[in-house]
PDB file of N, CA and C in Angstrom:
ATOM      1  N   MET A   1      36.664  62.726  16.626  1.00  0.00           N
ATOM      2  CA  MET A   1      38.104  63.234  15.635  1.00  0.00           C
ATOM      3  C   MET A   1      38.468  61.786  15.149  1.00  0.00           C
ATOM      4  N   ALA A   2      39.154  61.817  13.490  1.00  0.00           N
ATOM      5  CA  ALA A   2      39.687  60.825  12.560  1.00  0.00           C
ATOM      6  C   ALA A   2      41.426  61.020  13.661  1.00  0.00           C
ATOM      7  N   SER A   3      41.637  60.153  13.379  1.00  0.00           N
ATOM      8  CA  SER A   3      42.924  60.009  13.881  1.00  0.00           C
ATOM      9  C   SER A   3      44.345  60.715  12.911  1.00  0.00           C
ATOM     10  N   GLY A   4      43.694  60.984  11.793  1.00  0.00           N
ATOM     11  CA  GLY A   4      44.748  61.986  11.115  1.00  0.00           C
ATOM     12  C   GLY A   4      44.336  63.357  10.827  1.00  0.00           C
ATOM     13  N   SER A   5      43.647  63.521  12.059  1.00  0.00           N
ATOM     14  CA  SER A   5      43.590  65.341  12.459  1.00  0.00           C
ATOM     15  C   SER A   5      44.268  65.470  13.458  1.00  0.00           C
ATOM     16  N   ILE A   6      45.601  65.054  13.657  1.00  0.00           N
ATOM     17  CA  ILE A   6      46.443  65.477  14.913  1.00  0.00           C
ATOM     18  C   ILE A   6      47.220  65.855  14.506  1.00  0.00           C
ATOM     19  N   ASN A   7      47.984  66.790  14.351  1.00  0.00           N
ATOM     20  CA  ASN A   7      49.172  67.162  14.296  1.00  0.00           C
ATOM     21  C   ASN A   7      50.589  66.968  14.964  1.00  0.00           C
ATOM     22  N   SER A   8      51.756  66.831  14.738  1.00  0.00           N
ATOM     23  CA  SER A   8      52.214  66.471  15.958  1.00  0.00           C
ATOM     24  C   SER A   8      53.620  67.776  15.678  1.00  0.00           C
ATOM     25  N   THR A   9      54.316  67.865  16.389  1.00  0.00           N
ATOM     26  CA  THR A   9      55.208  69.102  16.435  1.00  0.00           C
ATOM     27  C   THR A   9      56.099  68.475  17.508  1.00  0.00           C
ATOM     28  N   ALA A  10      57.583  69.692  17.732  1.00  0.00           N
ATOM     29  CA  ALA A  10      58.326  69.357  18.450  1.00  0.00           C
ATOM     30  C   ALA A  10      58.103  68.549  19.308  1.00  0.00           C
ATOM     31  N   GLY A  11      57.114  69.739  20.130  1.00  0.00           N
ATOM     32  CA  GLY A  11      56.660  69.672  21.688  1.00  0.00           C
ATOM     33  C   GLY A  11      55.966  68.717  22.249  1.00  0.00           C
ATOM     34  N   GLY A  12      55.246  68.054  20.627  1.00  0.00           N
ATOM     35  CA  GLY A  12      54.524  66.747  21.121  1.00  0.00           C
ATOM     36  C   GLY A  12      52.984  66.398  19.908  1.00  0.00           C
ATOM     37  N   ILE A  13      52.076  66.330  20.387  1.00  0.00           N
ATOM     38  CA  ILE A  13      50.940  66.337  19.537  1.00  0.00           C
ATOM     39  C   ILE A  13      49.557  67.075  20.417  1.00  0.00           C
ATOM     40  N   TYR A  14      49.279  67.673  19.081  1.00  0.00           N
ATOM     41  CA  TYR A  14      48.051  68.645  19.120  1.00  0.00           C
ATOM     42  C   TYR A  14      46.715  68.694  18.167  1.00  0.00           C
ATOM     43  N   GLU A  15      45.446  68.979  18.247  1.00  0.00           N
ATOM     44  CA  GLU A  15      44.914  68.522  17.831  1.00  0.00           C
ATOM     45  C   GLU A  15      44.481  70.129  16.850  1.00  0.00           C
ATOM     46  N   GLY A  16      44.661  69.963  15.640  1.00  0.00           N
ATOM     47  CA  GLY A  16      44.886  71.558  14.661  1.00  0.00           C
ATOM     48  C   GLY A  16      43.716  72.531  14.774  1.00  0.00           C
ATOM     49  N   GLU A  17      43.737  73.773  14.995  1.00  0.00           N
ATOM     50  CA  GLU A  17      43.105  74.548  15.078  1.00  0.00           C
ATOM     51  C   GLU A  17      42.380  75.729  14.267  1.00  0.00           C
ATOM     52  N   GLY A  18      41.471  76.197  14.088  1.00  0.00           N
ATOM     53  CA  GLY A  18      41.309  77.366  13.151  1.00  0.00           C
ATOM     54  C   GLY A  18      41.875  76.331  11.711  1.00  0.00           C
ATOM     55  N   PHE A  19      42.979  77.838  11.425  1.00  0.00           N
ATOM     56  CA  PHE A  19      43.462  76.865   9.776  1.00  0.00           C
ATOM     57  C   PHE A  19      44.613  76.110   9.592  1.00  0.00           C
ATOM     58  N   ASP A  20      44.640  75.686  10.611  1.00  0.00           N
ATOM     59  CA  ASP A  20      45.933  74.630  10.980  1.00  0.00           C
ATOM     60  C   ASP A  20      45.627  73.244   9.906  1.00  0.00           C
ATOM     61  N   VAL A  21      46.619  73.031   8.987  1.00  0.00           N
ATOM     62  CA  VAL A  21      46.776  71.530   8.330  1.00  0.00           C
ATOM     63  C   VAL A  21      46.372  70.582   9.213  1.00  0.00           C
ATOM     64  N   ARG A  22      45.301  69.876   8.752  1.00  0.00           N
ATOM     65  CA  ARG A  22      44.922  68.492   9.229  1.00  0.00           C
ATOM     66  C   ARG A  22      45.135  67.266   8.631  1.00  0.00           C
ATOM     67  N   TYR A  23      46.050  66.543   9.079  1.00  0.00           N
ATOM     68  CA  TYR A  23      46.664  65.590   8.254  1.00  0.00           C
ATOM     69  C   TYR A  23      45.507  64.441   8.322  1.00  0.00           C
ATOM     70  N   TRP A  24      45.249  63.665   7.040  1.00  0.00           N
ATOM     71  CA  TRP A  24      44.083  62.457   7.033  1.00  0.00           C
ATOM     72  C   TRP A  24      44.981  61.570   6.229  1.00  0.00           C
ATOM     73  N   THR A  25      44.961  60.246   6.605  1.00  0.00           N
ATOM     74  CA  THR A  25      45.206  59.010   5.490  1.00  0.00           C
ATOM     75  C   THR A  25      44.105  58.936   4.362  1.00  0.00           C
ATOM     76  N   PRO A  26      44.595  59.034   3.136  1.00  0.00           N
ATOM     77  CA  PRO A  26      43.833  58.432   2.236  1.00  0.00           C
ATOM     78  C   PRO A  26      42.857  57.516   2.716  1.00  0.00           C
ATOM     79  N   SER A  27      42.693  56.696   3.257  1.00  0.00           N
ATOM     80  CA  SER A  27      41.634  55.279   3.992  1.00  0.00           C
ATOM     81  C   SER A  27      40.783  56.705   5.038  1.00  0.00           C
ATOM     82  N   GLU A  28      40.952  57.345   5.637  1.00  0.00           N
ATOM     83  CA  GLU A  28      40.299  58.161   6.781  1.00  0.00           C
ATOM     84  C   GLU A  28      39.572  59.230   5.968  1.00  0.00           C
ATOM     85  N   LEU A  29      40.049  59.969   4.576  1.00  0.00           N
ATOM     86  CA  LEU A  29      39.245  60.313   3.914  1.00  0.00           C
ATOM     87  C   LEU A  29      38.049  59.865   3.104  1.00  0.00           C
ATOM     88  N   LEU A  30      38.513  58.877   2.526  1.00  0.00           N
ATOM     89  CA  LEU A  30      37.602  57.915   1.872  1.00  0.00           C
ATOM     90  C   LEU A  30      36.206  57.347   2.719  1.00  0.00           C
ATOM     91  N   LYS A  31      36.607  57.122   4.237  1.00  0.00           N
ATOM     92  CA  LYS A  31      35.666  56.230   4.912  1.00  0.00           C
ATOM     93  C   LYS A  31      34.789  57.458   5.410  1.00  0.00           C
ATOM     94  N   THR A  32      35.503  58.964   5.646  1.00  0.00           N
ATOM     95  CA  THR A  32      34.648  59.788   6.155  1.00  0.00           C
ATOM     96  C   THR A  32      33.756  60.358   5.069  1.00  0.00           C
ATOM     97  N   PHE A  33      34.358  60.733   3.969  1.00  0.00           N
ATOM     98  CA  PHE A  33      33.721  61.598   2.647  1.00  0.00           C
ATOM     99  C   PHE A  33      32.345  59.851   2.411  1.00  0.00           C
ATOM    100  N   GLN A  34      32.478  58.766   2.312  1.00  0.00           N
ATOM    101  CA  GLN A  34      31.260  57.821   1.844  1.00  0.00           C
ATOM    102  C   GLN A  34      30.429  57.649   2.347  1.00  0.00           C
ATOM    103  N   ASP A  35      30.802  58.160   4.234  1.00  0.00           N
ATOM    104  CA  ASP A  35      29.788  57.819   4.771  1.00  0.00           C
ATOM    105  C   ASP A  35      28.483  59.048   4.718  1.00  0.00           C
ATOM    106  N   LYS A  36      29.064  60.152   4.851  1.00  0.00           N
ATOM    107  CA  LYS A  36      28.315  61.278   4.252  1.00  0.00           C
ATOM    108  C   LYS A  36      27.843  61.521   3.224  1.00  0.00           C
ATOM    109  N   PHE A  37      28.019  61.078   1.722  1.00  0.00           N
ATOM    110  CA  PHE A  37      28.084  61.384   0.286  1.00  0.00           C
ATOM    111  C   PHE A  37      28.014  59.749  -0.411  1.00  0.00           C
ATOM    112  N   GLY A  38      28.274  59.001   0.358  1.00  0.00           N
ATOM    113  CA  GLY A  38      28.079  57.667  -0.709  1.00  0.00           C
ATOM    114  C   GLY A  38      29.140  57.095  -1.170  1.00  0.00           C
ATOM    115  N   PRO A  39      29.054  56.657  -2.611  1.00  0.00           N
ATOM    116  CA  PRO A  39      30.076  55.591  -3.198  1.00  0.00           C
ATOM    117  C   PRO A  39      31.269  56.901  -3.383  1.00  0.00           C
ATOM    118  N   MET A  40      32.362  56.703  -3.422  1.00  0.00           N
ATOM    119  CA  MET A  40      33.660  57.319  -3.989  1.00  0.00           C
ATOM    120  C   MET A  40      34.917  56.768  -4.643  1.00  0.00           C
ATOM    121  N   THR A  41      35.147  57.118  -5.817  1.00  0.00           N
ATOM    122  CA  THR A  41      36.851  56.701  -6.072  1.00  0.00           C
ATOM    123  C   THR A  41      37.958  57.515  -5.170  1.00  0.00           C
ATOM    124  N   LEU A  42      39.122  57.162  -5.488  1.00  0.00           N
ATOM    125  CA  LEU A  42      39.946  57.851  -4.701  1.00  0.00           C
ATOM    126  C   LEU A  42      41.123  57.591  -5.599  1.00  0.00           C
ATOM    127  N   SER A  43      41.915  58.465  -6.082  1.00  0.00           N
ATOM    128  CA  SER A  43      43.050  58.550  -7.044  1.00  0.00           C
ATOM    129  C   SER A  43      43.706  59.812  -6.711  1.00  0.00           C
ATOM    130  N   ALA A  44      45.038  59.154  -6.801  1.00  0.00           N
ATOM    131  CA  ALA A  44      46.321  60.445  -6.580  1.00  0.00           C
ATOM    132  C   ALA A  44      46.275  61.890  -7.557  1.00  0.00           C
ATOM    133  N   ASP A  45      46.582  62.554  -6.747  1.00  0.00           N
ATOM    134  CA  ASP A  45      47.050  63.780  -7.696  1.00  0.00           C
ATOM    135  C   ASP A  45      48.295  63.846  -7.595  1.00  0.00           C
ATOM    136  N   CYS A  46      49.504  63.961  -6.341  1.00  0.00           N
ATOM    137  CA  CYS A  46      50.713  64.050  -6.910  1.00  0.00           C
ATOM    138  C   CYS A  46      51.591  63.912  -5.484  1.00  0.00           C
ATOM    139  N   TYR A  47      52.948  63.182  -6.316  1.00  0.00           N
ATOM    140  CA  TYR A  47      54.094  62.785  -4.849  1.00  0.00           C
ATOM    141  C   TYR A  47      54.839  63.635  -4.694  1.00  0.00           C
ATOM    142  N   PHE A  48      55.903  63.745  -3.863  1.00  0.00           N
ATOM    143  CA  PHE A  48      56.988  64.359  -3.483  1.00  0.00           C
ATOM    144  C   PHE A  48      56.821  66.115  -3.238  1.00  0.00           C
ATOM    145  N   GLY A  49      55.460  66.147  -2.354  1.00  0.00           N
ATOM    146  CA  GLY A  49      55.177  67.313  -2.558  1.00  0.00           C
ATOM    147  C   GLY A  49      53.597  67.895  -2.648  1.00  0.00           C
ATOM    148  N   LEU A  50      53.189  69.025  -2.757  1.00  0.00           N
ATOM    149  CA  LEU A  50      51.487  69.344  -2.907  1.00  0.00           C
ATOM    150  C   LEU A  50      51.748  70.336  -4.079  1.00  0.00           C
ATOM    151  N   GLY A  51      50.372  70.028  -5.201  1.00  0.00           N
ATOM    152  CA  GLY A  51      50.992  70.734  -5.745  1.00  0.00           C
ATOM    153  C   GLY A  51      51.772  70.666  -7.191  1.00  0.00           C
ATOM    154  N   ILE A  52      52.191  69.882  -6.877  1.00  0.00           N
ATOM    155  CA  ILE A  52      53.401  69.353  -8.387  1.00  0.00           C
ATOM    156  C   ILE A  52      52.615  69.063  -9.528  1.00  0.00           C
ATOM    157  N   GLN A  53      52.470  69.640 -10.480  1.00  0.00           N
ATOM    158  CA  GLN A  53      51.788  69.274 -11.653  1.00  0.00           C
ATOM    159  C   GLN A  53      52.171  68.982 -13.005  1.00  0.00           C
ATOM    160  N   HIS A  54      51.866  67.964 -13.291  1.00  0.00           N
ATOM    161  CA  HIS A  54      52.529  67.654 -14.687  1.00  0.00           C
ATOM    162  C   HIS A  54      52.561  69.439 -15.457  1.00  0.00           C
ATOM    163  N   SER A  55      52.016  69.615 -15.370  1.00  0.00           N
ATOM    164  CA  SER A  55      51.555  70.769 -16.748  1.00  0.00           C
ATOM    165  C   SER A  55      52.224  72.577 -16.279  1.00  0.00           C
ATOM    166  N   ASP A  56      52.936  72.148 -15.461  1.00  0.00           N
ATOM    167  CA  ASP A  56      53.735  73.039 -15.079  1.00  0.00           C
ATOM    168  C   ASP A  56      55.370  72.627 -15.740  1.00  0.00           C
ATOM    169  N   VAL A  57      55.348  71.629 -15.712  1.00  0.00           N
ATOM    170  CA  VAL A  57      56.921  71.330 -16.279  1.00  0.00           C
ATOM    171  C   VAL A  57      57.338  72.013 -16.872  1.00  0.00           C
ATOM    172  N   ASP A  58      56.448  72.540 -17.965  1.00  0.00           N
ATOM    173  CA  ASP A  58      57.617  73.273 -18.958  1.00  0.00           C
ATOM    174  C   ASP A  58      58.538  74.966 -18.444  1.00  0.00           C
ATOM    175  N   LEU A  59      57.745  74.988 -17.329  1.00  0.00           N
ATOM    176  CA  LEU A  59      58.261  76.821 -16.558  1.00  0.00           C
ATOM    177  C   LEU A  59      59.401  76.483 -15.426  1.00  0.00           C
ATOM    178  N   LEU A  60      59.335  75.175 -15.318  1.00  0.00           N
ATOM    179  CA  LEU A  60      60.786  74.949 -14.465  1.00  0.00           C
ATOM    180  C   LEU A  60      61.843  74.768 -15.026  1.00  0.00           C
ATOM    181  N   PRO A  61      63.253  74.642 -13.776  1.00  0.00           N
ATOM    182  CA  PRO A  61      64.717  74.769 -14.568  1.00  0.00           C
ATOM    183  C   PRO A  61      64.406  72.757 -14.262  1.00  0.00           C
ATOM    184  N   LEU A  62      65.779  72.501 -14.505  1.00  0.00           N
ATOM    185  CA  LEU A  62      65.514  70.905 -15.116  1.00  0.00           C
ATOM    186  C   LEU A  62      65.769  70.113 -13.435  1.00  0.00           C
ATOM    187  N   LYS A  63      66.101  70.684 -13.013  1.00  0.00           N
ATOM    188  CA  LYS A  63      66.577  69.926 -11.601  1.00  0.00           C
ATOM    189  C   LYS A  63      64.671  69.634 -10.526  1.00  0.00           C
ATOM    190  N   TYR A  64      64.041  70.517 -11.379  1.00  0.00           N
ATOM    191  CA  TYR A  64      62.735  70.317 -10.729  1.00  0.00           C
ATOM    192  C   TYR A  64      61.882  69.841 -11.687  1.00  0.00           C
ATOM    193  N   ARG A  65      61.854  69.758 -13.048  1.00  0.00           N
ATOM    194  CA  ARG A  65      61.192  68.839 -14.092  1.00  0.00           C
ATOM    195  C   ARG A  65      61.189  67.604 -13.529  1.00  0.00           C
ATOM    196  N   ILE A  66      62.269  67.135 -13.189  1.00  0.00           N
ATOM    197  CA  ILE A  66      62.748  65.707 -12.840  1.00  0.00           C
ATOM    198  C   ILE A  66      61.714  65.306 -11.544  1.00  0.00           C
ATOM    199  N   VAL A  67      61.538  65.975 -10.717  1.00  0.00           N
ATOM    200  CA  VAL A  67      60.494  65.648  -9.635  1.00  0.00           C
ATOM    201  C   VAL A  67      59.458  65.738  -9.896  1.00  0.00           C
ATOM    202  N   VAL A  68      59.071  66.150 -11.032  1.00  0.00           N
ATOM    203  CA  VAL A  68      57.524  66.651 -11.834  1.00  0.00           C
ATOM    204  C   VAL A  68      57.470  65.614 -12.557  1.00  0.00           C
ATOM    205  N   HIS A  69      58.159  65.265 -13.134  1.00  0.00           N
ATOM    206  CA  HIS A  69      58.031  63.808 -14.024  1.00  0.00           C
ATOM    207  C   HIS A  69      58.211  62.511 -13.473  1.00  0.00           C
ATOM    208  N   SER A  70      58.743  62.408 -12.282  1.00  0.00           N
ATOM    209  CA  SER A  70      58.866  60.697 -11.640  1.00  0.00           C
ATOM    210  C   SER A  70      57.503  61.524 -10.743  1.00  0.00           C
ATOM    211  N   SER A  71      57.274  62.429 -10.300  1.00  0.00           N
ATOM    212  CA  SER A  71      55.696  62.558  -9.975  1.00  0.00           C
ATOM    213  C   SER A  71      54.681  61.710 -10.703  1.00  0.00           C
ATOM    214  N   HIS A  72      54.680  62.303 -12.058  1.00  0.00           N
ATOM    215  CA  HIS A  72      53.723  62.438 -12.831  1.00  0.00           C
ATOM    216  C   HIS A  72      53.541  60.232 -13.221  1.00  0.00           C
ATOM    217  N   LEU A  73      54.803  60.252 -13.426  1.00  0.00           N
ATOM    218  CA  LEU A  73      54.818  58.973 -13.704  1.00  0.00           C
ATOM    219  C   LEU A  73      54.341  57.645 -12.015  1.00  0.00           C
ATOM    220  N   ILE A  74      54.671  58.304 -11.258  1.00  0.00           N
ATOM    221  CA  ILE A  74      53.829  57.605 -10.286  1.00  0.00           C
ATOM    222  C   ILE A  74      52.632  57.431  -9.884  1.00  0.00           C
ATOM    223  N   ARG A  75      51.802  58.368 -10.424  1.00  0.00           N
ATOM    224  CA  ARG A  75      50.415  58.608 -10.741  1.00  0.00           C
ATOM    225  C   ARG A  75      49.960  57.964 -11.449  1.00  0.00           C
ATOM    226  N   GLN A  76      50.496  57.791 -12.533  1.00  0.00           N
ATOM    227  CA  GLN A  76      50.021  56.868 -13.587  1.00  0.00           C
ATOM    228  C   GLN A  76      50.085  55.558 -13.326  1.00  0.00           C
ATOM    229  N   LEU A  77      51.155  55.230 -12.485  1.00  0.00           N
ATOM    230  CA  LEU A  77      51.732  53.644 -11.854  1.00  0.00           C
ATOM    231  C   LEU A  77      50.429  53.139 -10.958  1.00  0.00           C
ATOM    232  N   SER A  78      50.211  54.553 -10.489  1.00  0.00           N
ATOM    233  CA  SER A  78      49.259  54.463  -9.077  1.00  0.00           C
ATOM    234  C   SER A  78      47.712  53.718  -9.514  1.00  0.00           C
ATOM    235  N   LYS A  79      47.084  54.276 -11.106  1.00  0.00           N
ATOM    236  CA  LYS A  79      45.976  53.939 -11.086  1.00  0.00           C
ATOM    237  C   LYS A  79      46.248  51.912 -11.627  1.00  0.00           C
ATOM    238  N   ILE A  80      47.092  51.586 -11.894  1.00  0.00           N
ATOM    239  CA  ILE A  80      47.123  50.102 -12.467  1.00  0.00           C
ATOM    240  C   ILE A  80      47.825  49.320 -10.420  1.00  0.00           C
ATOM    241  N   VAL A  81      48.703  50.288  -9.962  1.00  0.00           N
ATOM    242  CA  VAL A  81      48.972  49.636  -8.760  1.00  0.00           C
ATOM    243  C   VAL A  81      48.449  50.419  -7.756  1.00  0.00           C
ATOM    244  N   SER A  82      47.279  49.946  -7.180  1.00  0.00           N
ATOM    245  CA  SER A  82      46.599  50.970  -6.504  1.00  0.00           C
ATOM    246  C   SER A  82      47.023  51.351  -5.162  1.00  0.00           C
ATOM    247  N   PRO A  83      47.705  50.379  -4.253  1.00  0.00           N
ATOM    248  CA  PRO A  83      48.292  51.198  -2.885  1.00  0.00           C
ATOM    249  C   PRO A  83      49.228  52.163  -3.012  1.00  0.00           C
ATOM    250  N   LEU A  84      49.609  52.581  -4.095  1.00  0.00           N
ATOM    251  CA  LEU A  84      50.682  53.607  -4.115  1.00  0.00           C
ATOM    252  C   LEU A  84      49.749  54.872  -4.079  1.00  0.00           C
ATOM    253  N   ILE A  85      48.599  54.854  -3.752  1.00  0.00           N
ATOM    254  CA  ILE A  85      47.314  56.180  -3.814  1.00  0.00           C
ATOM    255  C   ILE A  85      48.226  56.544  -2.298  1.00  0.00           C
ATOM    256  N   GLN A  86      47.423  55.372  -1.426  1.00  0.00           N
ATOM    257  CA  GLN A  86      48.296  55.487  -0.062  1.00  0.00           C
ATOM    258  C   GLN A  86      49.382  56.273   0.581  1.00  0.00           C
ATOM    259  N   VAL A  87      50.244  56.858  -0.553  1.00  0.00           N
ATOM    260  CA  VAL A  87      51.846  57.072  -0.406  1.00  0.00           C
ATOM    261  C   VAL A  87      51.448  58.583  -1.121  1.00  0.00           C
ATOM    262  N   ALA A  88      50.143  59.048  -1.692  1.00  0.00           N
ATOM    263  CA  ALA A  88      50.326  60.119  -2.360  1.00  0.00           C
ATOM    264  C   ALA A  88      50.486  61.586  -1.630  1.00  0.00           C
ATOM    265  N   ASP A  89      50.800  62.295  -1.919  1.00  0.00           N
ATOM    266  CA  ASP A  89      50.784  63.346  -0.891  1.00  0.00           C
ATOM    267  C   ASP A  89      49.403  64.219  -1.027  1.00  0.00           C
ATOM    268  N   SER A  90      48.449  64.207  -2.155  1.00  0.00           N
ATOM    269  CA  SER A  90      47.169  64.630  -2.626  1.00  0.00           C
ATOM    270  C   SER A  90      46.815  63.841  -3.013  1.00  0.00           C
ATOM    271  N   VAL A  91      45.587  63.434  -2.935  1.00  0.00           N
ATOM    272  CA  VAL A  91      44.632  62.870  -3.600  1.00  0.00           C
ATOM    273  C   VAL A  91      42.882  64.301  -4.037  1.00  0.00           C
ATOM    274  N   TYR A  92      42.965  63.104  -4.734  1.00  0.00           N
ATOM    275  CA  TYR A  92      41.220  63.286  -5.241  1.00  0.00           C
ATOM    276  C   TYR A  92      40.258  62.234  -5.279  1.00  0.00           C
ATOM    277  N   LEU A  93      39.333  63.071  -3.982  1.00  0.00           N
ATOM    278  CA  LEU A  93      37.735  61.913  -3.821  1.00  0.00           C
ATOM    279  C   LEU A  93      36.906  62.378  -5.118  1.00  0.00           C
ATOM    280  N   GLU A  94      36.363  61.335  -5.805  1.00  0.00           N
ATOM    281  CA  GLU A  94      34.990  61.545  -6.714  1.00  0.00           C
ATOM    282  C   GLU A  94      34.047  61.221  -6.656  1.00  0.00           C
ATOM    283  N   SER A  95      32.978  61.100  -6.826  1.00  0.00           N
ATOM    284  CA  SER A  95      31.585  61.042  -6.377  1.00  0.00           C
ATOM    285  C   SER A  95      30.868  61.775  -7.927  1.00  0.00           C
ATOM    286  N   LYS A  96      29.791  60.562  -7.990  1.00  0.00           N
ATOM    287  CA  LYS A  96      28.735  60.358  -9.141  1.00  0.00           C
ATOM    288  C   LYS A  96      27.491  60.998  -7.976  1.00  0.00           C
ATOM    289  N   ASN A  97      26.892  62.146  -8.932  1.00  0.00           N
ATOM    290  CA  ASN A  97      25.370  62.357  -8.430  1.00  0.00           C
ATOM    291  C   ASN A  97      24.491  61.161  -9.303  1.00  0.00           C
ATOM    292  N   SER A  98      24.071  60.463  -8.088  1.00  0.00           N
ATOM    293  CA  SER A  98      23.237  59.741  -9.146  1.00  0.00           C
ATOM    294  C   SER A  98      21.741  59.956  -8.736  1.00  0.00           C
ATOM    295  N   LYS A  99      21.039  61.527  -8.480  1.00  0.00           N
ATOM    296  CA  LYS A  99      20.409  62.047  -8.649  1.00  0.00           C
ATOM    297  C   LYS A  99      19.568  62.219 -10.210  1.00  0.00           C
ATOM    298  N   LYS A 100      20.198  62.275 -11.084  1.00  0.00           N
ATOM    299  CA  LYS A 100      20.727  62.531 -12.640  1.00  0.00           C
ATOM    300  C   LYS A 100      19.690  62.229 -13.168  1.00  0.00           C
TER     301      LYS A 100
END
C-alpha cells in the first residue's frame, strides 16, 4: 500500500478504511496510475483547499475571492514551474486513449 494512504490522527497513524480519505502525494498517484494505465500527465487543480474554482469567484465575498484568485494564479504558474504541482491540494491525472 502506498505510504500516502496512511492517515494520521492525534492518537497516531492508521490506515484508512471504508470512506476515509486516503492521502497520496502527486508522485504516488502518477506512478500508481501510470503502472496501470500507461503514460499520464499531472496538473494542478487548486491550492489552499479543495474545490477552489476560479469559475465560482463571482459568487464569493471579497475575502474569499482573494483565496480563489491566488489559487488560480499559482495553478497557472504551475504550468511553467512544474514543481508547484507537488504542493497542490488537488490534482488532475490525464491519459490519452492510444487505441483510437
